Amino acid sequence: MLTTSTLSPHRRASGRDTKARGRRRYSGGSTGVNRYRPGMRGRGLLQTADEVVVENGDVPKDCVTILEIIDSHPDLTELSSAIADLPVVRDALDADNETDTFFAPSNEAIDGFTSWAGFNDTKAGLQELLGDTEWKAYIVAYHAVPDEMYTIDKLESLEAGDRFLEDALEAEMPLMYVPKEYKVVGMGSAANIVGKNIYACNGVLHIIDAVLLPFDGRVVS
């Protein structure tokens, strides 16, 4: 499980200086929302070219974890590279005895994040923005909801205060799901869920079209 207890207790993301992290509220890319195909539930994995689909039955022993999906999905290569130097985070996402929900920024989302910050080169931008591995781990943790398996159907069924998701960062402003818009809102950004539920043996992954920020990226006076 990816929680603040797996990260350093000496720094909280909410305490970082947001002025150095951007002067505009980040709104992510322009990718549209694609509703997932109904009926993809249950507990048996079927690997396809670009997704992991669940069918009825038991989870096989060799099922893939959230980390394995990130490392193998063609639209998550930038995220995979970004977490390559975060062994604690990788171990948490690879734990097959957990049930978590992870909102994974697509390649386009990460490209948009670095462009928003004024970088033309994605890799150079990520190094500049997220060169501090501890800070990067906190941003990744903001995309995780531990101990919950929030499929799109379950997210759509949430009411009132239940729409505030207890992210692993335990941030002052938790993630909030906006029903019918298939949108997740964070403190400094919002992202659309694109595509279907992607099931793993340790939870469910949703690809999103923006990086969720645990700080306010608007102008700081």
C-alpha atoms as a PDB file:
ATOM      1  CA  MET A   1       0.000   0.000   0.000  1.00  0.00           C
ATOM      2  CA  LEU A   2       1.323   3.438  -0.958  1.00  0.00           C
ATOM      3  CA  THR A   3       0.832   5.723   2.049  1.00  0.00           C
ATOM      4  CA  THR A   4       2.728   8.514   3.761  1.00  0.00           C
ATOM      5  CA  SER A   5       4.119   5.911   6.152  1.00  0.00           C
ATOM      6  CA  THR A   6       6.099   4.463   3.245  1.00  0.00           C
ATOM      7  CA  LEU A   7       7.547   7.887   2.478  1.00  0.00           C
ATOM      8  CA  SER A   8       9.737  10.211   4.513  1.00  0.00           C
ATOM      9  CA  PRO A   9       7.974  11.652   7.581  1.00  0.00           C
ATOM     10  CA  HIS A  10      10.117  14.772   7.447  1.00  0.00           C
ATOM     11  CA  ARG A  11       8.452  16.541   4.536  1.00  0.00           C
ATOM     12  CA  ARG A  12       4.815  17.012   3.550  1.00  0.00           C
ATOM     13  CA  ALA A  13       3.912  18.159   0.057  1.00  0.00           C
ATOM     14  CA  SER A  14       1.490  20.733   1.400  1.00  0.00           C
ATOM     15  CA  GLY A  15       4.410  22.540   2.957  1.00  0.00           C
ATOM     16  CA  ARG A  16       6.389  23.045  -0.230  1.00  0.00           C
ATOM     17  CA  ASP A  17       6.867  26.458  -1.830  1.00  0.00           C
ATOM     18  CA  THR A  18       4.369  26.510  -4.681  1.00  0.00           C
ATOM     19  CA  LYS A  19       5.838  29.676  -6.167  1.00  0.00           C
ATOM     20  CA  ALA A  20       8.788  27.724  -7.545  1.00  0.00           C
ATOM     21  CA  ARG A  21       6.497  25.048  -8.953  1.00  0.00           C
ATOM     22  CA  GLY A  22       4.441  27.171 -11.331  1.00  0.00           C
ATOM     23  CA  ARG A  23       2.442  30.379 -11.691  1.00  0.00           C
ATOM     24  CA  ARG A  24      -0.591  29.065 -13.520  1.00  0.00           C
ATOM     25  CA  ARG A  25      -3.202  26.590 -12.467  1.00  0.00           C
ATOM     26  CA  TYR A  26      -2.440  23.412 -14.355  1.00  0.00           C
ATOM     27  CA  SER A  27      -5.387  22.085 -16.286  1.00  0.00           C
ATOM     28  CA  GLY A  28      -3.725  19.225 -18.151  1.00  0.00           C
ATOM     29  CA  GLY A  29      -4.258  18.118 -21.706  1.00  0.00           C
ATOM     30  CA  SER A  30      -7.286  18.191 -23.938  1.00  0.00           C
ATOM     31  CA  THR A  31      -7.855  14.463 -24.328  1.00  0.00           C
ATOM     32  CA  GLY A  32     -11.578  13.632 -24.332  1.00  0.00           C
ATOM     33  CA  VAL A  33     -13.241  11.215 -21.987  1.00  0.00           C
ATOM     34  CA  ASN A  34     -13.981   7.798 -23.391  1.00  0.00           C
ATOM     35  CA  ARG A  35     -16.464   5.748 -21.461  1.00  0.00           C
ATOM     36  CA  TYR A  36     -15.349   2.243 -20.693  1.00  0.00           C
ATOM     37  CA  ARG A  37     -17.106  -0.770 -22.160  1.00  0.00           C
ATOM     38  CA  PRO A  38     -19.647  -2.230 -19.683  1.00  0.00           C
ATOM     39  CA  GLY A  39     -19.253  -5.683 -18.284  1.00  0.00           C
ATOM     40  CA  MET A  40     -15.529  -5.597 -17.546  1.00  0.00           C
ATOM     41  CA  ARG A  41     -15.656  -6.726 -13.981  1.00  0.00           C
ATOM     42  CA  GLY A  42     -14.818  -9.815 -11.981  1.00  0.00           C
ATOM     43  CA  ARG A  43     -11.546 -11.398 -11.017  1.00  0.00           C
ATOM     44  CA  GLY A  44      -9.841 -13.081 -13.967  1.00  0.00           C
ATOM     45  CA  LEU A  45      -7.198 -11.316 -16.045  1.00  0.00           C
ATOM     46  CA  LEU A  46      -6.964 -11.243 -19.788  1.00  0.00           C
ATOM     47  CA  GLN A  47      -3.917  -9.442 -21.212  1.00  0.00           C
ATOM     48  CA  THR A  48      -4.446  -7.636 -24.508  1.00  0.00           C
ATOM     49  CA  ALA A  49      -2.251  -5.367 -26.565  1.00  0.00           C
ATOM     50  CA  ASP A  50      -3.017  -2.208 -24.626  1.00  0.00           C
ATOM     51  CA  GLU A  51      -5.142  -3.022 -21.615  1.00  0.00           C
ATOM     52  CA  VAL A  52      -5.790  -5.525 -18.865  1.00  0.00           C
ATOM     53  CA  VAL A  53      -9.382  -6.716 -18.837  1.00  0.00           C
ATOM     54  CA  VAL A  54     -11.052  -8.683 -16.078  1.00  0.00           C
ATOM     55  CA  GLU A  55     -13.311 -11.613 -16.772  1.00  0.00           C
ATOM     56  CA  ASN A  56     -15.231 -13.843 -14.427  1.00  0.00           C
ATOM     57  CA  GLY A  57     -13.249 -16.298 -12.337  1.00  0.00           C
ATOM     58  CA  ASP A  58     -10.460 -16.236  -9.779  1.00  0.00           C
ATOM     59  CA  VAL A  59      -7.385 -14.061 -10.028  1.00  0.00           C
ATOM     60  CA  PRO A  60      -4.606 -16.263 -11.407  1.00  0.00           C
ATOM     61  CA  LYS A  61      -1.369 -16.475  -9.417  1.00  0.00           C
ATOM     62  CA  ASP A  62       0.552 -14.854 -12.247  1.00  0.00           C
ATOM     63  CA  CYS A  63      -1.750 -11.840 -12.560  1.00  0.00           C
ATOM     64  CA  VAL A  64      -0.143  -8.487 -13.205  1.00  0.00           C
ATOM     65  CA  THR A  65       0.214  -5.759 -10.585  1.00  0.00           C
ATOM     66  CA  ILE A  66      -0.389  -2.030 -10.984  1.00  0.00           C
ATOM     67  CA  LEU A  67       3.366  -1.555 -11.337  1.00  0.00           C
ATOM     68  CA  GLU A  68       3.590  -4.175 -14.082  1.00  0.00           C
ATOM     69  CA  ILE A  69       0.788  -2.451 -15.974  1.00  0.00           C
ATOM     70  CA  ILE A  70       2.601   0.886 -15.712  1.00  0.00           C
ATOM     71  CA  ASP A  71       5.850  -0.664 -16.909  1.00  0.00           C
ATOM     72  CA  SER A  72       4.251  -2.392 -19.894  1.00  0.00           C
ATOM     73  CA  HIS A  73       1.448  -0.088 -21.081  1.00  0.00           C
ATOM     74  CA  PRO A  74       2.414   1.866 -24.243  1.00  0.00           C
ATOM     75  CA  ASP A  75       0.690   5.032 -23.000  1.00  0.00           C
ATOM     76  CA  LEU A  76       2.412   5.002 -19.599  1.00  0.00           C
ATOM     77  CA  THR A  77       6.070   4.914 -20.625  1.00  0.00           C
ATOM     78  CA  GLU A  78       6.746   8.427 -19.304  1.00  0.00           C
ATOM     79  CA  LEU A  79       5.245   7.517 -15.927  1.00  0.00           C
ATOM     80  CA  SER A  80       7.277   4.315 -15.846  1.00  0.00           C
ATOM     81  CA  SER A  81      10.456   6.305 -16.457  1.00  0.00           C
ATOM     82  CA  ALA A  82       9.483   8.889 -13.848  1.00  0.00           C
ATOM     83  CA  ILE A  83       9.151   6.293 -11.067  1.00  0.00           C
ATOM     84  CA  ALA A  84      12.182   4.224 -12.096  1.00  0.00           C
ATOM     85  CA  ASP A  85      14.256   5.717  -9.266  1.00  0.00           C
ATOM     86  CA  LEU A  86      11.561   5.342  -6.587  1.00  0.00           C
ATOM     87  CA  PRO A  87      12.038   1.812  -5.190  1.00  0.00           C
ATOM     88  CA  VAL A  88       9.682   2.320  -2.234  1.00  0.00           C
ATOM     89  CA  VAL A  89       6.898   3.535  -4.519  1.00  0.00           C
ATOM     90  CA  ARG A  90       7.545   0.737  -6.987  1.00  0.00           C
ATOM     91  CA  ASP A  91       7.411  -1.865  -4.217  1.00  0.00           C
ATOM     92  CA  ALA A  92       4.091  -0.420  -2.991  1.00  0.00           C
ATOM     93  CA  LEU A  93       2.571  -0.508  -6.477  1.00  0.00           C
ATOM     94  CA  ASP A  94       3.862  -4.055  -6.946  1.00  0.00           C
ATOM     95  CA  ALA A  95       2.464  -5.465  -3.686  1.00  0.00           C
ATOM     96  CA  ASP A  96      -0.020  -8.144  -4.724  1.00  0.00           C
ATOM     97  CA  ASN A  97      -1.577  -8.392  -1.254  1.00  0.00           C
ATOM     98  CA  GLU A  98      -3.145  -4.926  -1.461  1.00  0.00           C
ATOM     99  CA  THR A  99      -6.225  -3.484  -3.155  1.00  0.00           C
ATOM    100  CA  ASP A 100      -5.639   0.069  -4.301  1.00  0.00           C
ATOM    101  CA  THR A 101      -6.861   2.534  -6.923  1.00  0.00           C
ATOM    102  CA  PHE A 102      -4.262   4.386  -8.973  1.00  0.00           C
ATOM    103  CA  PHE A 103      -4.826   7.294 -11.347  1.00  0.00           C
ATOM    104  CA  ALA A 104      -2.006   7.050 -13.887  1.00  0.00           C
ATOM    105  CA  PRO A 105      -1.068  10.124 -15.964  1.00  0.00           C
ATOM    106  CA  SER A 106      -0.692   9.264 -19.643  1.00  0.00           C
ATOM    107  CA  ASN A 107       2.333  10.166 -21.750  1.00  0.00           C
ATOM    108  CA  GLU A 108       0.375  13.120 -23.106  1.00  0.00           C
ATOM    109  CA  ALA A 109      -0.477  14.224 -19.559  1.00  0.00           C
ATOM    110  CA  ILE A 110       3.167  14.260 -18.510  1.00  0.00           C
ATOM    111  CA  ASP A 111       4.182  16.040 -21.707  1.00  0.00           C
ATOM    112  CA  GLY A 112       1.498  18.631 -20.964  1.00  0.00           C
ATOM    113  CA  PHE A 113       2.745  19.010 -17.392  1.00  0.00           C
ATOM    114  CA  THR A 114       6.281  19.818 -18.496  1.00  0.00           C
ATOM    115  CA  SER A 115       5.056  22.126 -21.278  1.00  0.00           C
ATOM    116  CA  TRP A 116       2.867  23.999 -18.764  1.00  0.00           C
ATOM    117  CA  ALA A 117       5.954  24.556 -16.637  1.00  0.00           C
ATOM    118  CA  GLY A 118       7.803  26.016 -19.634  1.00  0.00           C
ATOM    119  CA  PHE A 119       9.925  23.079 -20.768  1.00  0.00           C
ATOM    120  CA  ASN A 120      10.115  21.937 -24.376  1.00  0.00           C
ATOM    121  CA  ASP A 121      11.939  18.713 -23.553  1.00  0.00           C
ATOM    122  CA  THR A 122       9.909  16.302 -21.415  1.00  0.00           C
ATOM    123  CA  LYS A 123      12.849  14.464 -19.855  1.00  0.00           C
ATOM    124  CA  ALA A 124      14.723  17.649 -19.048  1.00  0.00           C
ATOM    125  CA  GLY A 125      11.556  19.178 -17.667  1.00  0.00           C
ATOM    126  CA  LEU A 126      10.831  16.212 -15.422  1.00  0.00           C
ATOM    127  CA  GLN A 127      14.390  16.283 -14.132  1.00  0.00           C
ATOM    128  CA  GLU A 128      14.056  19.957 -13.288  1.00  0.00           C
ATOM    129  CA  LEU A 129      10.565  19.700 -11.813  1.00  0.00           C
ATOM    130  CA  LEU A 130      10.884  16.307 -10.135  1.00  0.00           C
ATOM    131  CA  GLY A 131      14.611  15.871  -9.663  1.00  0.00           C
ATOM    132  CA  ASP A 132      14.049  15.620  -5.917  1.00  0.00           C
ATOM    133  CA  THR A 133      12.996  11.972  -5.597  1.00  0.00           C
ATOM    134  CA  GLU A 134      11.260  12.536  -2.273  1.00  0.00           C
ATOM    135  CA  TRP A 135       9.122  15.313  -3.747  1.00  0.00           C
ATOM    136  CA  LYS A 136       8.380  13.164  -6.795  1.00  0.00           C
ATOM    137  CA  ALA A 137       7.277  10.308  -4.539  1.00  0.00           C
ATOM    138  CA  TYR A 138       4.757  12.606  -2.869  1.00  0.00           C
ATOM    139  CA  ILE A 139       3.280  13.625  -6.210  1.00  0.00           C
ATOM    140  CA  VAL A 140       2.958   9.968  -7.211  1.00  0.00           C
ATOM    141  CA  ALA A 141       1.329   9.172  -3.858  1.00  0.00           C
ATOM    142  CA  TYR A 142      -1.285  11.852  -4.552  1.00  0.00           C
ATOM    143  CA  HIS A 143      -2.488   9.673  -7.446  1.00  0.00           C
ATOM    144  CA  ALA A 144      -3.135   6.635  -5.237  1.00  0.00           C
ATOM    145  CA  VAL A 145      -6.157   5.741  -3.113  1.00  0.00           C
ATOM    146  CA  PRO A 146      -5.157   2.891  -0.774  1.00  0.00           C
ATOM    147  CA  ASP A 147      -7.420   0.063   0.334  1.00  0.00           C
ATOM    148  CA  GLU A 148     -10.152   0.932  -2.156  1.00  0.00           C
ATOM    149  CA  MET A 149     -11.019  -0.476  -5.571  1.00  0.00           C
ATOM    150  CA  TYR A 150     -12.797   2.392  -7.291  1.00  0.00           C
ATOM    151  CA  THR A 151     -14.074   1.174 -10.622  1.00  0.00           C
ATOM    152  CA  ILE A 152     -15.798   3.730 -12.824  1.00  0.00           C
ATOM    153  CA  ASP A 153     -19.184   2.335 -11.776  1.00  0.00           C
ATOM    154  CA  LYS A 154     -18.268   2.685  -8.114  1.00  0.00           C
ATOM    155  CA  LEU A 155     -16.940   6.221  -8.623  1.00  0.00           C
ATOM    156  CA  GLU A 156     -20.167   7.170 -10.396  1.00  0.00           C
ATOM    157  CA  SER A 157     -22.221   5.802  -7.499  1.00  0.00           C
ATOM    158  CA  LEU A 158     -20.502   7.931  -4.843  1.00  0.00           C
ATOM    159  CA  GLU A 159     -22.627  10.602  -3.181  1.00  0.00           C
ATOM    160  CA  ALA A 160     -21.914  13.791  -1.230  1.00  0.00           C
ATOM    161  CA  GLY A 161     -18.832  13.529   0.991  1.00  0.00           C
ATOM    162  CA  ASP A 162     -17.962  10.087  -0.321  1.00  0.00           C
ATOM    163  CA  ARG A 163     -16.782  11.775  -3.514  1.00  0.00           C
ATOM    164  CA  PHE A 164     -13.737  12.999  -1.589  1.00  0.00           C
ATOM    165  CA  LEU A 165     -11.197  10.215  -2.029  1.00  0.00           C
ATOM    166  CA  GLU A 166      -8.666   9.501   0.706  1.00  0.00           C
ATOM    167  CA  ASP A 167      -5.480   9.687  -1.356  1.00  0.00           C
ATOM    168  CA  ALA A 168      -2.293   8.088  -0.068  1.00  0.00           C
ATOM    169  CA  LEU A 169      -0.737  11.494   0.534  1.00  0.00           C
ATOM    170  CA  GLU A 170      -3.468  12.384   3.039  1.00  0.00           C
ATOM    171  CA  ALA A 171      -3.312  15.877   1.562  1.00  0.00           C
ATOM    172  CA  GLU A 172      -5.089  18.881   3.020  1.00  0.00           C
ATOM    173  CA  MET A 173      -7.174  18.973  -0.147  1.00  0.00           C
ATOM    174  CA  PRO A 174      -8.067  15.350  -0.984  1.00  0.00           C
ATOM    175  CA  LEU A 175      -8.926  14.188  -4.443  1.00  0.00           C
ATOM    176  CA  MET A 176     -12.573  14.632  -5.432  1.00  0.00           C
ATOM    177  CA  TYR A 177     -14.455  12.739  -8.110  1.00  0.00           C
ATOM    178  CA  VAL A 178     -16.968  14.634 -10.281  1.00  0.00           C
ATOM    179  CA  PRO A 179     -19.743  12.251 -11.414  1.00  0.00           C
ATOM    180  CA  LYS A 180     -20.972  12.222 -15.014  1.00  0.00           C
ATOM    181  CA  GLU A 181     -17.874  14.201 -16.015  1.00  0.00           C
ATOM    182  CA  TYR A 182     -15.458  11.304 -15.299  1.00  0.00           C
ATOM    183  CA  LYS A 183     -13.146  13.847 -13.688  1.00  0.00           C
ATOM    184  CA  VAL A 184     -10.809  13.755 -10.691  1.00  0.00           C
ATOM    185  CA  VAL A 185     -10.031  17.116  -9.074  1.00  0.00           C
ATOM    186  CA  GLY A 186      -6.971  17.786  -6.939  1.00  0.00           C
ATOM    187  CA  MET A 187      -5.669  20.842  -5.121  1.00  0.00           C
ATOM    188  CA  GLY A 188      -3.898  22.333  -8.140  1.00  0.00           C
ATOM    189  CA  SER A 189      -5.284  20.509 -11.161  1.00  0.00           C
ATOM    190  CA  ALA A 190      -8.036  18.333 -12.555  1.00  0.00           C
ATOM    191  CA  ALA A 191      -7.884  15.289 -14.817  1.00  0.00           C
ATOM    192  CA  ASN A 192     -10.304  13.310 -16.947  1.00  0.00           C
ATOM    193  CA  ILE A 193     -10.397   9.522 -16.838  1.00  0.00           C
ATOM    194  CA  VAL A 194      -9.742   8.219 -20.337  1.00  0.00           C
ATOM    195  CA  GLY A 195     -10.603   4.707 -21.392  1.00  0.00           C
ATOM    196  CA  LYS A 196     -11.741   1.704 -19.412  1.00  0.00           C
ATOM    197  CA  ASN A 197     -11.080   0.248 -15.989  1.00  0.00           C
ATOM    198  CA  ILE A 198      -7.682  -1.455 -16.080  1.00  0.00           C
ATOM    199  CA  TYR A 199      -7.678  -4.217 -13.493  1.00  0.00           C
ATOM    200  CA  ALA A 200      -4.678  -5.608 -11.652  1.00  0.00           C
ATOM    201  CA  CYS A 201      -4.354  -8.294  -9.033  1.00  0.00           C
ATOM    202  CA  ASN A 202      -3.793  -5.528  -6.477  1.00  0.00           C
ATOM    203  CA  GLY A 203      -6.471  -3.064  -7.522  1.00  0.00           C
ATOM    204  CA  VAL A 204      -7.573  -0.977 -10.464  1.00  0.00           C
ATOM    205  CA  LEU A 205      -5.783   1.622 -12.593  1.00  0.00           C
ATOM    206  CA  HIS A 206      -7.340   4.537 -14.460  1.00  0.00           C
ATOM    207  CA  ILE A 207      -5.414   6.412 -17.123  1.00  0.00           C
ATOM    208  CA  ILE A 208      -5.917  10.170 -16.755  1.00  0.00           C
ATOM    209  CA  ASP A 209      -5.118  13.071 -19.072  1.00  0.00           C
ATOM    210  CA  ALA A 210      -3.376  15.363 -16.564  1.00  0.00           C
ATOM    211  CA  VAL A 211      -0.953  15.188 -13.653  1.00  0.00           C
ATOM    212  CA  LEU A 212      -2.712  15.735 -10.322  1.00  0.00           C
ATOM    213  CA  LEU A 213      -0.915  18.327  -8.199  1.00  0.00           C
ATOM    214  CA  PRO A 214      -0.994  18.327  -4.364  1.00  0.00           C
ATOM    215  CA  PHE A 215      -0.278  22.077  -4.353  1.00  0.00           C
ATOM    216  CA  ASP A 216      -1.951  25.142  -5.812  1.00  0.00           C
ATOM    217  CA  GLY A 217      -0.193  26.061  -9.053  1.00  0.00           C
ATOM    218  CA  ARG A 218      -1.843  29.454  -9.385  1.00  0.00           C
ATOM    219  CA  VAL A 219      -0.014  32.732  -8.865  1.00  0.00           C
ATOM    220  CA  VAL A 220       1.287  33.080  -5.333  1.00  0.00           C
ATOM    221  CA  SER A 221       1.305  36.658  -4.016  1.00  0.00           C
END
